[in-house]
Amino acid sequence: MNIKNGGFKKRKVVWASLVMGALLWFAAVPPARGDDGRHKCQHRIHQAEMKLDQAIRKHGERSHQAEDRRRDLNRQRERCWNEFHSWWNEHEGRWHDQRDWDRP
């Protein structure tokens, strides 16, 4: 009878150890952060802004190249908006929570 009780206790300890280990493992894994994705969006918008500025300097404000870069910039803003419901304004240095990049 002692052998059966000893086996039961060992299984109980093993299960408790497994559960505790799993809980500790999940607690130790850092949560997925949206900041990294927002940082990537910010970087893509920054790059698109730089390309637009270069096109304007090289070809003029209303050139075909500048219009193409504006469309690229708006695509990046739209992409960020769809992912995070915000977009980065490079000139103001802040995130907007309204879809207002096409407004003056």
PDB file of N, CA and C in Angstrom:
ATOM      1  N   MET A   1       0.810  -1.182   0.000  1.00  0.00           N
ATOM      2  CA  MET A   1       0.000   0.000   0.000  1.00  0.00           C
ATOM      3  C   MET A   1       0.865   1.261   0.000  1.00  0.00           C
ATOM      4  N   ASN A   2       1.969   1.258   0.698  1.00  0.00           N
ATOM      5  CA  ASN A   2       2.862   2.409   0.721  1.00  0.00           C
ATOM      6  C   ASN A   2       3.452   2.680  -0.658  1.00  0.00           C
ATOM      7  N   ILE A   3       3.667   1.618  -1.427  1.00  0.00           N
ATOM      8  CA  ILE A   3       4.229   1.780  -2.768  1.00  0.00           C
ATOM      9  C   ILE A   3       3.244   2.529  -3.653  1.00  0.00           C
ATOM     10  N   LYS A   4       1.972   2.183  -3.569  1.00  0.00           N
ATOM     11  CA  LYS A   4       0.971   2.878  -4.374  1.00  0.00           C
ATOM     12  C   LYS A   4       0.871   4.353  -3.983  1.00  0.00           C
ATOM     13  N   ASN A   5       0.836   4.622  -2.702  1.00  0.00           N
ATOM     14  CA  ASN A   5       0.759   6.010  -2.257  1.00  0.00           C
ATOM     15  C   ASN A   5       2.011   6.789  -2.651  1.00  0.00           C
ATOM     16  N   GLY A   6       3.164   6.158  -2.575  1.00  0.00           N
ATOM     17  CA  GLY A   6       4.413   6.815  -2.968  1.00  0.00           C
ATOM     18  C   GLY A   6       4.415   7.128  -4.456  1.00  0.00           C
ATOM     19  N   GLY A   7       3.899   6.216  -5.297  1.00  0.00           N
ATOM     20  CA  GLY A   7       3.805   6.455  -6.739  1.00  0.00           C
ATOM     21  C   GLY A   7       2.851   7.584  -7.059  1.00  0.00           C
ATOM     22  N   PHE A   8       1.742   7.631  -6.361  1.00  0.00           N
ATOM     23  CA  PHE A   8       0.756   8.700  -6.561  1.00  0.00           C
ATOM     24  C   PHE A   8       1.349  10.056  -6.201  1.00  0.00           C
ATOM     25  N   LYS A   9       2.074  10.078  -5.088  1.00  0.00           N
ATOM     26  CA  LYS A   9       2.693  11.327  -4.659  1.00  0.00           C
ATOM     27  C   LYS A   9       3.746  11.790  -5.665  1.00  0.00           C
ATOM     28  N   LYS A  10       4.504  10.833  -6.203  1.00  0.00           N
ATOM     29  CA  LYS A  10       5.539  11.197  -7.181  1.00  0.00           C
ATOM     30  C   LYS A  10       4.892  11.767  -8.441  1.00  0.00           C
ATOM     31  N   ARG A  11       3.813  11.134  -8.909  1.00  0.00           N
ATOM     32  CA  ARG A  11       3.121  11.643 -10.097  1.00  0.00           C
ATOM     33  C   ARG A  11       2.554  13.043  -9.835  1.00  0.00           C
ATOM     34  N   LYS A  12       2.032  13.225  -8.663  1.00  0.00           N
ATOM     35  CA  LYS A  12       1.476  14.518  -8.284  1.00  0.00           C
ATOM     36  C   LYS A  12       2.573  15.588  -8.293  1.00  0.00           C
ATOM     37  N   VAL A  13       3.728  15.253  -7.759  1.00  0.00           N
ATOM     38  CA  VAL A  13       4.852  16.184  -7.734  1.00  0.00           C
ATOM     39  C   VAL A  13       5.335  16.462  -9.155  1.00  0.00           C
ATOM     40  N   VAL A  14       5.409  15.419  -9.999  1.00  0.00           N
ATOM     41  CA  VAL A  14       5.849  15.594 -11.386  1.00  0.00           C
ATOM     42  C   VAL A  14       4.878  16.513 -12.127  1.00  0.00           C
ATOM     43  N   TRP A  15       3.571  16.260 -12.002  1.00  0.00           N
ATOM     44  CA  TRP A  15       2.570  17.106 -12.664  1.00  0.00           C
ATOM     45  C   TRP A  15       2.628  18.543 -12.155  1.00  0.00           C
ATOM     46  N   ALA A  16       2.745  18.696 -10.888  1.00  0.00           N
ATOM     47  CA  ALA A  16       2.832  20.043 -10.324  1.00  0.00           C
ATOM     48  C   ALA A  16       4.077  20.764 -10.850  1.00  0.00           C
ATOM     49  N   SER A  17       5.183  20.023 -10.966  1.00  0.00           N
ATOM     50  CA  SER A  17       6.420  20.608 -11.489  1.00  0.00           C
ATOM     51  C   SER A  17       6.256  21.017 -12.947  1.00  0.00           C
ATOM     52  N   LEU A  18       5.602  20.168 -13.733  1.00  0.00           N
ATOM     53  CA  LEU A  18       5.382  20.492 -15.146  1.00  0.00           C
ATOM     54  C   LEU A  18       4.502  21.736 -15.303  1.00  0.00           C
ATOM     55  N   VAL A  19       3.436  21.779 -14.524  1.00  0.00           N
ATOM     56  CA  VAL A  19       2.534  22.930 -14.596  1.00  0.00           C
ATOM     57  C   VAL A  19       3.273  24.199 -14.179  1.00  0.00           C
ATOM     58  N   MET A  20       4.007  24.114 -13.103  1.00  0.00           N
ATOM     59  CA  MET A  20       4.753  25.282 -12.621  1.00  0.00           C
ATOM     60  C   MET A  20       5.801  25.705 -13.648  1.00  0.00           C
ATOM     61  N   GLY A  21       6.492  24.753 -14.248  1.00  0.00           N
ATOM     62  CA  GLY A  21       7.481  25.066 -15.270  1.00  0.00           C
ATOM     63  C   GLY A  21       6.843  25.747 -16.477  1.00  0.00           C
ATOM     64  N   ALA A  22       5.687  25.241 -16.893  1.00  0.00           N
ATOM     65  CA  ALA A  22       4.989  25.849 -18.028  1.00  0.00           C
ATOM     66  C   ALA A  22       4.569  27.277 -17.695  1.00  0.00           C
ATOM     67  N   LEU A  23       4.044  27.489 -16.506  1.00  0.00           N
ATOM     68  CA  LEU A  23       3.642  28.833 -16.102  1.00  0.00           C
ATOM     69  C   LEU A  23       4.834  29.787 -16.078  1.00  0.00           C
ATOM     70  N   LEU A  24       5.943  29.319 -15.556  1.00  0.00           N
ATOM     71  CA  LEU A  24       7.139  30.163 -15.510  1.00  0.00           C
ATOM     72  C   LEU A  24       7.662  30.462 -16.912  1.00  0.00           C
ATOM     73  N   TRP A  25       7.587  29.462 -17.796  1.00  0.00           N
ATOM     74  CA  TRP A  25       8.073  29.666 -19.156  1.00  0.00           C
ATOM     75  C   TRP A  25       7.220  30.714 -19.863  1.00  0.00           C
ATOM     76  N   PHE A  26       5.900  30.605 -19.756  1.00  0.00           N
ATOM     77  CA  PHE A  26       5.027  31.576 -20.398  1.00  0.00           C
ATOM     78  C   PHE A  26       5.192  32.965 -19.793  1.00  0.00           C
ATOM     79  N   ALA A  27       5.448  33.030 -18.520  1.00  0.00           N
ATOM     80  CA  ALA A  27       5.646  34.327 -17.872  1.00  0.00           C
ATOM     81  C   ALA A  27       6.964  34.951 -18.307  1.00  0.00           C
ATOM     82  N   ALA A  28       7.949  34.127 -18.645  1.00  0.00           N
ATOM     83  CA  ALA A  28       9.265  34.633 -19.011  1.00  0.00           C
ATOM     84  C   ALA A  28       9.325  35.092 -20.461  1.00  0.00           C
ATOM     85  N   VAL A  29       8.455  34.593 -21.318  1.00  0.00           N
ATOM     86  CA  VAL A  29       8.467  34.968 -22.731  1.00  0.00           C
ATOM     87  C   VAL A  29       7.893  36.377 -22.847  1.00  0.00           C
ATOM     88  N   PRO A  30       8.644  37.306 -23.433  1.00  0.00           N
ATOM     89  CA  PRO A  30       8.130  38.668 -23.545  1.00  0.00           C
ATOM     90  C   PRO A  30       6.943  38.709 -24.504  1.00  0.00           C
ATOM     91  N   PRO A  31       5.961  39.524 -24.223  1.00  0.00           N
ATOM     92  CA  PRO A  31       4.806  39.608 -25.110  1.00  0.00           C
ATOM     93  C   PRO A  31       5.185  40.260 -26.426  1.00  0.00           C
ATOM     94  N   ALA A  32       4.461  39.911 -27.474  1.00  0.00           N
ATOM     95  CA  ALA A  32       4.692  40.544 -28.770  1.00  0.00           C
ATOM     96  C   ALA A  32       4.343  42.018 -28.633  1.00  0.00           C
ATOM     97  N   ARG A  33       5.217  42.867 -29.106  1.00  0.00           N
ATOM     98  CA  ARG A  33       5.002  44.291 -28.937  1.00  0.00           C
ATOM     99  C   ARG A  33       4.668  44.936 -30.266  1.00  0.00           C
ATOM    100  N   GLY A  34       3.684  45.782 -30.239  1.00  0.00           N
ATOM    101  CA  GLY A  34       3.309  46.521 -31.428  1.00  0.00           C
ATOM    102  C   GLY A  34       4.270  47.650 -31.726  1.00  0.00           C
ATOM    103  N   ASP A  35       5.095  48.018 -30.752  1.00  0.00           N
ATOM    104  CA  ASP A  35       6.027  49.119 -30.950  1.00  0.00           C
ATOM    105  C   ASP A  35       6.989  48.839 -32.087  1.00  0.00           C
ATOM    106  N   ASP A  36       7.407  47.584 -32.221  1.00  0.00           N
ATOM    107  CA  ASP A  36       8.342  47.244 -33.288  1.00  0.00           C
ATOM    108  C   ASP A  36       7.692  47.464 -34.634  1.00  0.00           C
ATOM    109  N   GLY A  37       6.429  47.052 -34.767  1.00  0.00           N
ATOM    110  CA  GLY A  37       5.711  47.256 -36.022  1.00  0.00           C
ATOM    111  C   GLY A  37       5.507  48.734 -36.309  1.00  0.00           C
ATOM    112  N   ARG A  38       5.175  49.490 -35.275  1.00  0.00           N
ATOM    113  CA  ARG A  38       5.015  50.936 -35.453  1.00  0.00           C
ATOM    114  C   ARG A  38       6.340  51.582 -35.833  1.00  0.00           C
ATOM    115  N   HIS A  39       7.426  51.078 -35.265  1.00  0.00           N
ATOM    116  CA  HIS A  39       8.751  51.609 -35.617  1.00  0.00           C
ATOM    117  C   HIS A  39       9.035  51.349 -37.102  1.00  0.00           C
ATOM    118  N   LYS A  40       8.675  50.168 -37.576  1.00  0.00           N
ATOM    119  CA  LYS A  40       8.887  49.851 -38.993  1.00  0.00           C
ATOM    120  C   LYS A  40       8.034  50.746 -39.880  1.00  0.00           C
ATOM    121  N   CYS A  41       6.788  50.981 -39.458  1.00  0.00           N
ATOM    122  CA  CYS A  41       5.926  51.899 -40.213  1.00  0.00           C
ATOM    123  C   CYS A  41       6.535  53.291 -40.258  1.00  0.00           C
ATOM    124  N   GLN A  42       6.991  53.746 -39.108  1.00  0.00           N
ATOM    125  CA  GLN A  42       7.613  55.066 -39.035  1.00  0.00           C
ATOM    126  C   GLN A  42       8.804  55.140 -39.979  1.00  0.00           C
ATOM    127  N   HIS A  43       9.597  54.095 -40.015  1.00  0.00           N
ATOM    128  CA  HIS A  43      10.777  54.075 -40.886  1.00  0.00           C
ATOM    129  C   HIS A  43      10.365  54.087 -42.363  1.00  0.00           C
ATOM    130  N   ARG A  44       9.357  53.302 -42.718  1.00  0.00           N
ATOM    131  CA  ARG A  44       8.903  53.279 -44.121  1.00  0.00           C
ATOM    132  C   ARG A  44       8.373  54.641 -44.543  1.00  0.00           C
ATOM    133  N   ILE A  45       7.639  55.304 -43.661  1.00  0.00           N
ATOM    134  CA  ILE A  45       7.125  56.636 -43.990  1.00  0.00           C
ATOM    135  C   ILE A  45       8.284  57.619 -44.103  1.00  0.00           C
ATOM    136  N   HIS A  46       9.246  57.524 -43.211  1.00  0.00           N
ATOM    137  CA  HIS A  46      10.426  58.390 -43.269  1.00  0.00           C
ATOM    138  C   HIS A  46      11.139  58.228 -44.611  1.00  0.00           C
ATOM    139  N   GLN A  47      11.331  56.982 -45.036  1.00  0.00           N
ATOM    140  CA  GLN A  47      12.000  56.723 -46.314  1.00  0.00           C
ATOM    141  C   GLN A  47      11.195  57.302 -47.479  1.00  0.00           C
ATOM    142  N   ALA A  48       9.880  57.120 -47.442  1.00  0.00           N
ATOM    143  CA  ALA A  48       9.033  57.646 -48.513  1.00  0.00           C
ATOM    144  C   ALA A  48       9.074  59.172 -48.542  1.00  0.00           C
ATOM    145  N   GLU A  49       9.106  59.800 -47.366  1.00  0.00           N
ATOM    146  CA  GLU A  49       9.213  61.269 -47.288  1.00  0.00           C
ATOM    147  C   GLU A  49      10.537  61.740 -47.895  1.00  0.00           C
ATOM    148  N   MET A  50      11.611  61.038 -47.591  1.00  0.00           N
ATOM    149  CA  MET A  50      12.924  61.412 -48.137  1.00  0.00           C
ATOM    150  C   MET A  50      12.923  61.298 -49.662  1.00  0.00           C
ATOM    151  N   LYS A  51      12.341  60.229 -50.187  1.00  0.00           N
ATOM    152  CA  LYS A  51      12.294  60.053 -51.646  1.00  0.00           C
ATOM    153  C   LYS A  51      11.451  61.142 -52.299  1.00  0.00           C
ATOM    154  N   LEU A  52      10.354  61.527 -51.631  1.00  0.00           N
ATOM    155  CA  LEU A  52       9.539  62.621 -52.164  1.00  0.00           C
ATOM    156  C   LEU A  52      10.337  63.919 -52.171  1.00  0.00           C
ATOM    157  N   ASP A  53      11.013  64.220 -51.090  1.00  0.00           N
ATOM    158  CA  ASP A  53      11.828  65.442 -51.026  1.00  0.00           C
ATOM    159  C   ASP A  53      12.896  65.455 -52.114  1.00  0.00           C
ATOM    160  N   GLN A  54      13.529  64.322 -52.349  1.00  0.00           N
ATOM    161  CA  GLN A  54      14.550  64.232 -53.399  1.00  0.00           C
ATOM    162  C   GLN A  54      13.936  64.459 -54.779  1.00  0.00           C
ATOM    163  N   ALA A  55      12.777  63.864 -55.019  1.00  0.00           N
ATOM    164  CA  ALA A  55      12.115  64.029 -56.319  1.00  0.00           C
ATOM    165  C   ALA A  55      11.715  65.480 -56.539  1.00  0.00           C
ATOM    166  N   ILE A  56      11.250  66.138 -55.491  1.00  0.00           N
ATOM    167  CA  ILE A  56      10.869  67.549 -55.621  1.00  0.00           C
ATOM    168  C   ILE A  56      12.091  68.401 -55.930  1.00  0.00           C
ATOM    169  N   ARG A  57      13.184  68.171 -55.205  1.00  0.00           N
ATOM    170  CA  ARG A  57      14.408  68.950 -55.451  1.00  0.00           C
ATOM    171  C   ARG A  57      14.945  68.727 -56.861  1.00  0.00           C
ATOM    172  N   LYS A  58      14.885  67.504 -57.317  1.00  0.00           N
ATOM    173  CA  LYS A  58      15.489  67.161 -58.606  1.00  0.00           C
ATOM    174  C   LYS A  58      14.582  67.494 -59.791  1.00  0.00           C
ATOM    175  N   HIS A  59      13.256  67.262 -59.638  1.00  0.00           N
ATOM    176  CA  HIS A  59      12.360  67.363 -60.794  1.00  0.00           C
ATOM    177  C   HIS A  59      11.281  68.432 -60.667  1.00  0.00           C
ATOM    178  N   GLY A  60      11.093  68.976 -59.458  1.00  0.00           N
ATOM    179  CA  GLY A  60      10.070  70.005 -59.289  1.00  0.00           C
ATOM    180  C   GLY A  60       8.867  69.499 -58.506  1.00  0.00           C
ATOM    181  N   GLU A  61       8.153  70.462 -57.901  1.00  0.00           N
ATOM    182  CA  GLU A  61       7.020  70.171 -57.012  1.00  0.00           C
ATOM    183  C   GLU A  61       5.914  69.367 -57.689  1.00  0.00           C
ATOM    184  N   ARG A  62       5.586  69.681 -58.913  1.00  0.00           N
ATOM    185  CA  ARG A  62       4.467  69.023 -59.609  1.00  0.00           C
ATOM    186  C   ARG A  62       4.938  68.090 -60.728  1.00  0.00           C
ATOM    187  N   SER A  63       6.144  67.602 -60.635  1.00  0.00           N
ATOM    188  CA  SER A  63       6.662  66.697 -61.662  1.00  0.00           C
ATOM    189  C   SER A  63       6.007  65.318 -61.534  1.00  0.00           C
ATOM    190  N   HIS A  64       6.117  64.568 -62.595  1.00  0.00           N
ATOM    191  CA  HIS A  64       5.598  63.199 -62.610  1.00  0.00           C
ATOM    192  C   HIS A  64       6.274  62.365 -61.509  1.00  0.00           C
ATOM    193  N   GLN A  65       7.576  62.534 -61.342  1.00  0.00           N
ATOM    194  CA  GLN A  65       8.321  61.785 -60.335  1.00  0.00           C
ATOM    195  C   GLN A  65       7.844  62.135 -58.919  1.00  0.00           C
ATOM    196  N   ALA A  66       7.605  63.425 -58.655  1.00  0.00           N
ATOM    197  CA  ALA A  66       7.131  63.838 -57.336  1.00  0.00           C
ATOM    198  C   ALA A  66       5.734  63.275 -57.073  1.00  0.00           C
ATOM    199  N   GLU A  67       4.878  63.277 -58.081  1.00  0.00           N
ATOM    200  CA  GLU A  67       3.525  62.718 -57.908  1.00  0.00           C
ATOM    201  C   GLU A  67       3.599  61.220 -57.601  1.00  0.00           C
ATOM    202  N   ASP A  68       4.505  60.508 -58.275  1.00  0.00           N
ATOM    203  CA  ASP A  68       4.687  59.074 -57.986  1.00  0.00           C
ATOM    204  C   ASP A  68       5.137  58.865 -56.542  1.00  0.00           C
ATOM    205  N   ARG A  69       6.074  59.697 -56.076  1.00  0.00           N
ATOM    206  CA  ARG A  69       6.558  59.561 -54.697  1.00  0.00           C
ATOM    207  C   ARG A  69       5.462  59.926 -53.685  1.00  0.00           C
ATOM    208  N   ARG A  70       4.591  60.888 -54.030  1.00  0.00           N
ATOM    209  CA  ARG A  70       3.462  61.209 -53.145  1.00  0.00           C
ATOM    210  C   ARG A  70       2.525  60.003 -53.009  1.00  0.00           C
ATOM    211  N   ARG A  71       2.274  59.344 -54.138  1.00  0.00           N
ATOM    212  CA  ARG A  71       1.428  58.142 -54.087  1.00  0.00           C
ATOM    213  C   ARG A  71       2.080  57.064 -53.230  1.00  0.00           C
ATOM    214  N   ASP A  72       3.392  56.891 -53.366  1.00  0.00           N
ATOM    215  CA  ASP A  72       4.111  55.907 -52.539  1.00  0.00           C
ATOM    216  C   ASP A  72       3.994  56.266 -51.054  1.00  0.00           C
ATOM    217  N   LEU A  73       4.165  57.543 -50.746  1.00  0.00           N
ATOM    218  CA  LEU A  73       4.058  58.004 -49.362  1.00  0.00           C
ATOM    219  C   LEU A  73       2.655  57.740 -48.811  1.00  0.00           C
ATOM    220  N   ASN A  74       1.649  58.049 -49.598  1.00  0.00           N
ATOM    221  CA  ASN A  74       0.275  57.813 -49.147  1.00  0.00           C
ATOM    222  C   ASN A  74      -0.012  56.320 -48.976  1.00  0.00           C
ATOM    223  N   ARG A  75       0.587  55.483 -49.811  1.00  0.00           N
ATOM    224  CA  ARG A  75       0.435  54.024 -49.634  1.00  0.00           C
ATOM    225  C   ARG A  75       1.025  53.575 -48.307  1.00  0.00           C
ATOM    226  N   GLN A  76       2.186  54.117 -47.960  1.00  0.00           N
ATOM    227  CA  GLN A  76       2.810  53.753 -46.685  1.00  0.00           C
ATOM    228  C   GLN A  76       1.970  54.250 -45.511  1.00  0.00           C
ATOM    229  N   ARG A  77       1.438  55.433 -45.627  1.00  0.00           N
ATOM    230  CA  ARG A  77       0.563  55.945 -44.564  1.00  0.00           C
ATOM    231  C   ARG A  77      -0.683  55.076 -44.432  1.00  0.00           C
ATOM    232  N   GLU A  78      -1.253  54.710 -45.566  1.00  0.00           N
ATOM    233  CA  GLU A  78      -2.445  53.852 -45.557  1.00  0.00           C
ATOM    234  C   GLU A  78      -2.117  52.494 -44.933  1.00  0.00           C
ATOM    235  N   ARG A  79      -0.959  51.963 -45.264  1.00  0.00           N
ATOM    236  CA  ARG A  79      -0.545  50.672 -44.698  1.00  0.00           C
ATOM    237  C   ARG A  79      -0.441  50.762 -43.170  1.00  0.00           C
ATOM    238  N   CYS A  80       0.198  51.813 -42.673  1.00  0.00           N
ATOM    239  CA  CYS A  80       0.296  51.994 -41.218  1.00  0.00           C
ATOM    240  C   CYS A  80      -1.084  52.171 -40.605  1.00  0.00           C
ATOM    241  N   TRP A  81      -1.918  52.940 -41.279  1.00  0.00           N
ATOM    242  CA  TRP A  81      -3.263  53.160 -40.768  1.00  0.00           C
ATOM    243  C   TRP A  81      -4.018  51.833 -40.656  1.00  0.00           C
ATOM    244  N   ASN A  82      -3.909  50.994 -41.670  1.00  0.00           N
ATOM    245  CA  ASN A  82      -4.608  49.701 -41.660  1.00  0.00           C
ATOM    246  C   ASN A  82      -4.078  48.775 -40.568  1.00  0.00           C
ATOM    247  N   GLU A  83      -2.793  48.858 -40.283  1.00  0.00           N
ATOM    248  CA  GLU A  83      -2.195  47.990 -39.270  1.00  0.00           C
ATOM    249  C   GLU A  83      -2.389  48.506 -37.846  1.00  0.00           C
ATOM    250  N   PHE A  84      -2.267  49.819 -37.649  1.00  0.00           N
ATOM    251  CA  PHE A  84      -2.203  50.364 -36.291  1.00  0.00           C
ATOM    252  C   PHE A  84      -3.221  51.463 -36.004  1.00  0.00           C
ATOM    253  N   HIS A  85      -4.021  51.823 -36.991  1.00  0.00           N
ATOM    254  CA  HIS A  85      -4.982  52.925 -36.849  1.00  0.00           C
ATOM    255  C   HIS A  85      -4.292  54.203 -36.396  1.00  0.00           C
ATOM    256  N   SER A  86      -3.097  54.396 -36.917  1.00  0.00           N
ATOM    257  CA  SER A  86      -2.354  55.636 -36.724  1.00  0.00           C
ATOM    258  C   SER A  86      -1.317  55.729 -37.835  1.00  0.00           C
ATOM    259  N   TRP A  87      -0.788  56.895 -38.049  1.00  0.00           N
ATOM    260  CA  TRP A  87       0.254  57.081 -39.058  1.00  0.00           C
ATOM    261  C   TRP A  87       1.236  58.139 -38.559  1.00  0.00           C
ATOM    262  N   TRP A  88       2.461  58.037 -39.021  1.00  0.00           N
ATOM    263  CA  TRP A  88       3.546  58.907 -38.580  1.00  0.00           C
ATOM    264  C   TRP A  88       3.618  60.135 -39.478  1.00  0.00           C
ATOM    265  N   ASN A  89       3.661  61.311 -38.853  1.00  0.00           N
ATOM    266  CA  ASN A  89       3.864  62.553 -39.580  1.00  0.00           C
ATOM    267  C   ASN A  89       5.314  62.959 -39.376  1.00  0.00           C
ATOM    268  N   GLU A  90       6.089  62.808 -40.405  1.00  0.00           N
ATOM    269  CA  GLU A  90       7.526  63.064 -40.324  1.00  0.00           C
ATOM    270  C   GLU A  90       7.813  64.536 -40.020  1.00  0.00           C
ATOM    271  N   HIS A  91       7.045  65.442 -40.604  1.00  0.00           N
ATOM    272  CA  HIS A  91       7.307  66.876 -40.416  1.00  0.00           C
ATOM    273  C   HIS A  91       6.960  67.346 -39.003  1.00  0.00           C
ATOM    274  N   GLU A  92       5.914  66.778 -38.426  1.00  0.00           N
ATOM    275  CA  GLU A  92       5.527  67.151 -37.062  1.00  0.00           C
ATOM    276  C   GLU A  92       6.224  66.292 -36.017  1.00  0.00           C
ATOM    277  N   GLY A  93       6.784  65.159 -36.441  1.00  0.00           N
ATOM    278  CA  GLY A  93       7.471  64.265 -35.514  1.00  0.00           C
ATOM    279  C   GLY A  93       6.527  63.606 -34.523  1.00  0.00           C
ATOM    280  N   ARG A  94       5.337  63.225 -34.986  1.00  0.00           N
ATOM    281  CA  ARG A  94       4.380  62.597 -34.081  1.00  0.00           C
ATOM    282  C   ARG A  94       3.438  61.667 -34.844  1.00  0.00           C
ATOM    283  N   TRP A  95       2.782  60.804 -34.085  1.00  0.00           N
ATOM    284  CA  TRP A  95       1.780  59.890 -34.622  1.00  0.00           C
ATOM    285  C   TRP A  95       0.427  60.583 -34.642  1.00  0.00           C
ATOM    286  N   HIS A  96      -0.339  60.361 -35.689  1.00  0.00           N
ATOM    287  CA  HIS A  96      -1.704  60.871 -35.798  1.00  0.00           C
ATOM    288  C   HIS A  96      -2.671  59.712 -35.593  1.00  0.00           C
ATOM    289  N   ASP A  97      -3.739  59.964 -34.872  1.00  0.00           N
ATOM    290  CA  ASP A  97      -4.747  58.923 -34.669  1.00  0.00           C
ATOM    291  C   ASP A  97      -5.996  59.183 -35.509  1.00  0.00           C
ATOM    292  N   GLN A  98      -5.897  60.137 -36.436  1.00  0.00           N
ATOM    293  CA  GLN A  98      -6.956  60.410 -37.397  1.00  0.00           C
ATOM    294  C   GLN A  98      -6.397  60.170 -38.798  1.00  0.00           C
ATOM    295  N   ARG A  99      -7.232  59.677 -39.681  1.00  0.00           N
ATOM    296  CA  ARG A  99      -6.802  59.437 -41.068  1.00  0.00           C
ATOM    297  C   ARG A  99      -6.905  60.756 -41.829  1.00  0.00           C
ATOM    298  N   ASP A 100      -5.970  61.662 -41.549  1.00  0.00           N
ATOM    299  CA  ASP A 100      -6.072  63.025 -42.074  1.00  0.00           C
ATOM    300  C   ASP A 100      -4.842  63.467 -42.855  1.00  0.00           C
ATOM    301  N   TRP A 101      -4.097  62.544 -43.431  1.00  0.00           N
ATOM    302  CA  TRP A 101      -2.883  62.944 -44.143  1.00  0.00           C
ATOM    303  C   TRP A 101      -3.187  63.652 -45.456  1.00  0.00           C
ATOM    304  N   ASP A 102      -4.405  63.505 -45.980  1.00  0.00           N
ATOM    305  CA  ASP A 102      -4.729  64.152 -47.244  1.00  0.00           C
ATOM    306  C   ASP A 102      -5.444  65.490 -47.030  1.00  0.00           C
ATOM    307  N   ARG A 103      -5.492  65.955 -45.787  1.00  0.00           N
ATOM    308  CA  ARG A 103      -6.101  67.248 -45.466  1.00  0.00           C
ATOM    309  C   ARG A 103      -5.001  68.269 -45.198  1.00  0.00           C
ATOM    310  N   PRO A 104      -5.265  69.528 -45.541  1.00  0.00           N
ATOM    311  CA  PRO A 104      -4.234  70.551 -45.287  1.00  0.00           C
ATOM    312  C   PRO A 104      -4.021  70.810 -43.819  1.00  0.00           C
TER     313      PRO A 104
END
